[in-house]
Amino acid sequence: MDLDCSAVIADVWLLLDNECDETAKARLQEHINRCSPCIEAYGLEEKLKSLLNRKCGGDRAPDSLRQRLTMEIRTTFTSVETRIEPAD
């Protein structure tokens, strides 16, 4: 099945993030290998992903944010948990 370039470009990040199944990956890769504009777009997206990973990949959320999120998750979980009625 021949893919439209716009569909391939829309799914490039799925391919880069390895978030597509093997069939989709093969179809995307086959199209990219045959299509110059898609090869170029793929290369640009790949470079952008690499740059983002280098510049932002090691960032860690501040401890205060991590603590607030942990507290919010616990509060939400407790609220949901208290709403469950025991079965008799």
Protein backbone atom coordinates (compact mmCIF):
# COMPACT_ATOMS: atom_id res chain seq x y z
CA MET A 1 0.00 0.00 0.00
CA ASP A 2 1.44 3.35 -1.06
CA LEU A 3 1.37 5.97 1.69
CA ASP A 4 0.68 9.67 1.29
CA CYS A 5 3.65 11.86 2.26
CA SER A 6 1.54 13.90 4.68
CA ALA A 7 0.58 10.71 6.52
CA VAL A 8 4.22 9.62 6.70
CA ILE A 9 5.38 13.00 8.00
CA ALA A 10 2.58 12.97 10.59
CA ASP A 11 3.81 9.59 11.85
CA VAL A 12 7.55 10.28 11.79
CA TRP A 13 7.66 10.84 15.55
CA LEU A 14 5.94 7.49 16.12
CA LEU A 15 8.74 5.90 14.13
CA LEU A 16 11.47 7.90 15.89
CA ASP A 17 10.03 7.07 19.32
CA ASN A 18 9.60 3.41 18.35
CA GLU A 19 5.89 3.63 19.17
CA CYS A 20 4.45 1.91 16.14
CA ASP A 21 3.99 -1.77 15.44
CA GLU A 22 6.33 -3.65 13.12
CA THR A 23 3.95 -3.49 10.15
CA ALA A 24 3.55 0.30 10.38
CA LYS A 25 7.27 0.70 10.97
CA ALA A 26 8.09 -1.29 7.83
CA ARG A 27 5.58 0.67 5.70
CA LEU A 28 6.85 4.03 6.97
CA GLN A 29 10.49 3.07 6.53
CA GLU A 30 9.87 1.74 3.01
CA HIS A 31 8.18 5.00 1.98
CA ILE A 32 10.88 7.13 3.58
CA ASN A 33 13.61 5.16 1.82
CA ARG A 34 11.97 5.79 -1.60
CA CYS A 35 10.83 9.42 -1.14
CA SER A 36 13.37 12.25 -1.14
CA PRO A 37 11.13 14.85 0.57
CA CYS A 38 10.26 12.35 3.30
CA ILE A 39 13.90 11.35 3.73
CA GLU A 40 14.71 15.02 4.26
CA ALA A 41 11.82 15.55 6.69
CA TYR A 42 12.73 12.39 8.59
CA GLY A 43 16.34 13.56 8.85
CA LEU A 44 15.27 16.95 10.20
CA GLU A 45 12.94 15.40 12.76
CA GLU A 46 15.64 12.92 13.78
CA LYS A 47 18.11 15.78 14.32
CA LEU A 48 15.50 17.74 16.29
CA LYS A 49 14.79 14.73 18.51
CA SER A 50 18.51 14.22 19.09
CA LEU A 51 18.99 17.90 19.95
CA LEU A 52 16.05 17.87 22.36
CA ASN A 53 17.38 14.75 24.00
CA ARG A 54 20.85 16.27 24.43
CA LYS A 55 19.56 19.58 25.75
CA CYS A 56 16.59 18.39 27.83
CA GLY A 57 17.14 14.68 28.35
CA GLY A 58 18.99 15.04 31.65
CA ASP A 59 16.63 17.57 33.20
CA ARG A 60 15.05 16.59 36.46
CA ALA A 61 11.94 18.18 37.90
CA PRO A 62 12.62 20.30 40.99
CA ASP A 63 12.07 18.44 44.27
CA SER A 64 9.25 20.82 45.25
CA LEU A 65 7.35 19.97 42.06
CA ARG A 66 7.95 16.26 42.53
CA GLN A 67 6.65 16.47 46.11
CA ARG A 68 3.53 18.41 45.06
CA LEU A 69 2.75 15.91 42.30
CA THR A 70 3.29 12.98 44.64
CA MET A 71 0.95 14.54 47.20
CA GLU A 72 -1.69 15.23 44.51
CA ILE A 73 -1.51 11.65 43.25
CA ARG A 74 -1.88 10.29 46.77
CA THR A 75 -4.83 12.60 47.48
CA THR A 76 -6.55 11.62 44.24
CA PHE A 77 -5.93 7.94 44.83
CA THR A 78 -7.24 8.16 48.40
CA SER A 79 -10.36 10.00 47.20
CA VAL A 80 -11.07 7.38 44.59
CA GLU A 81 -10.30 4.56 46.98
CA THR A 82 -12.73 5.83 49.65
CA ARG A 83 -15.59 5.88 47.15
CA ILE A 84 -15.48 2.12 46.62
CA GLU A 85 -18.22 0.32 48.53
CA PRO A 86 -17.30 -3.02 50.08
CA ALA A 87 -19.21 -6.00 48.69
CA ASP A 88 -21.30 -7.89 51.28
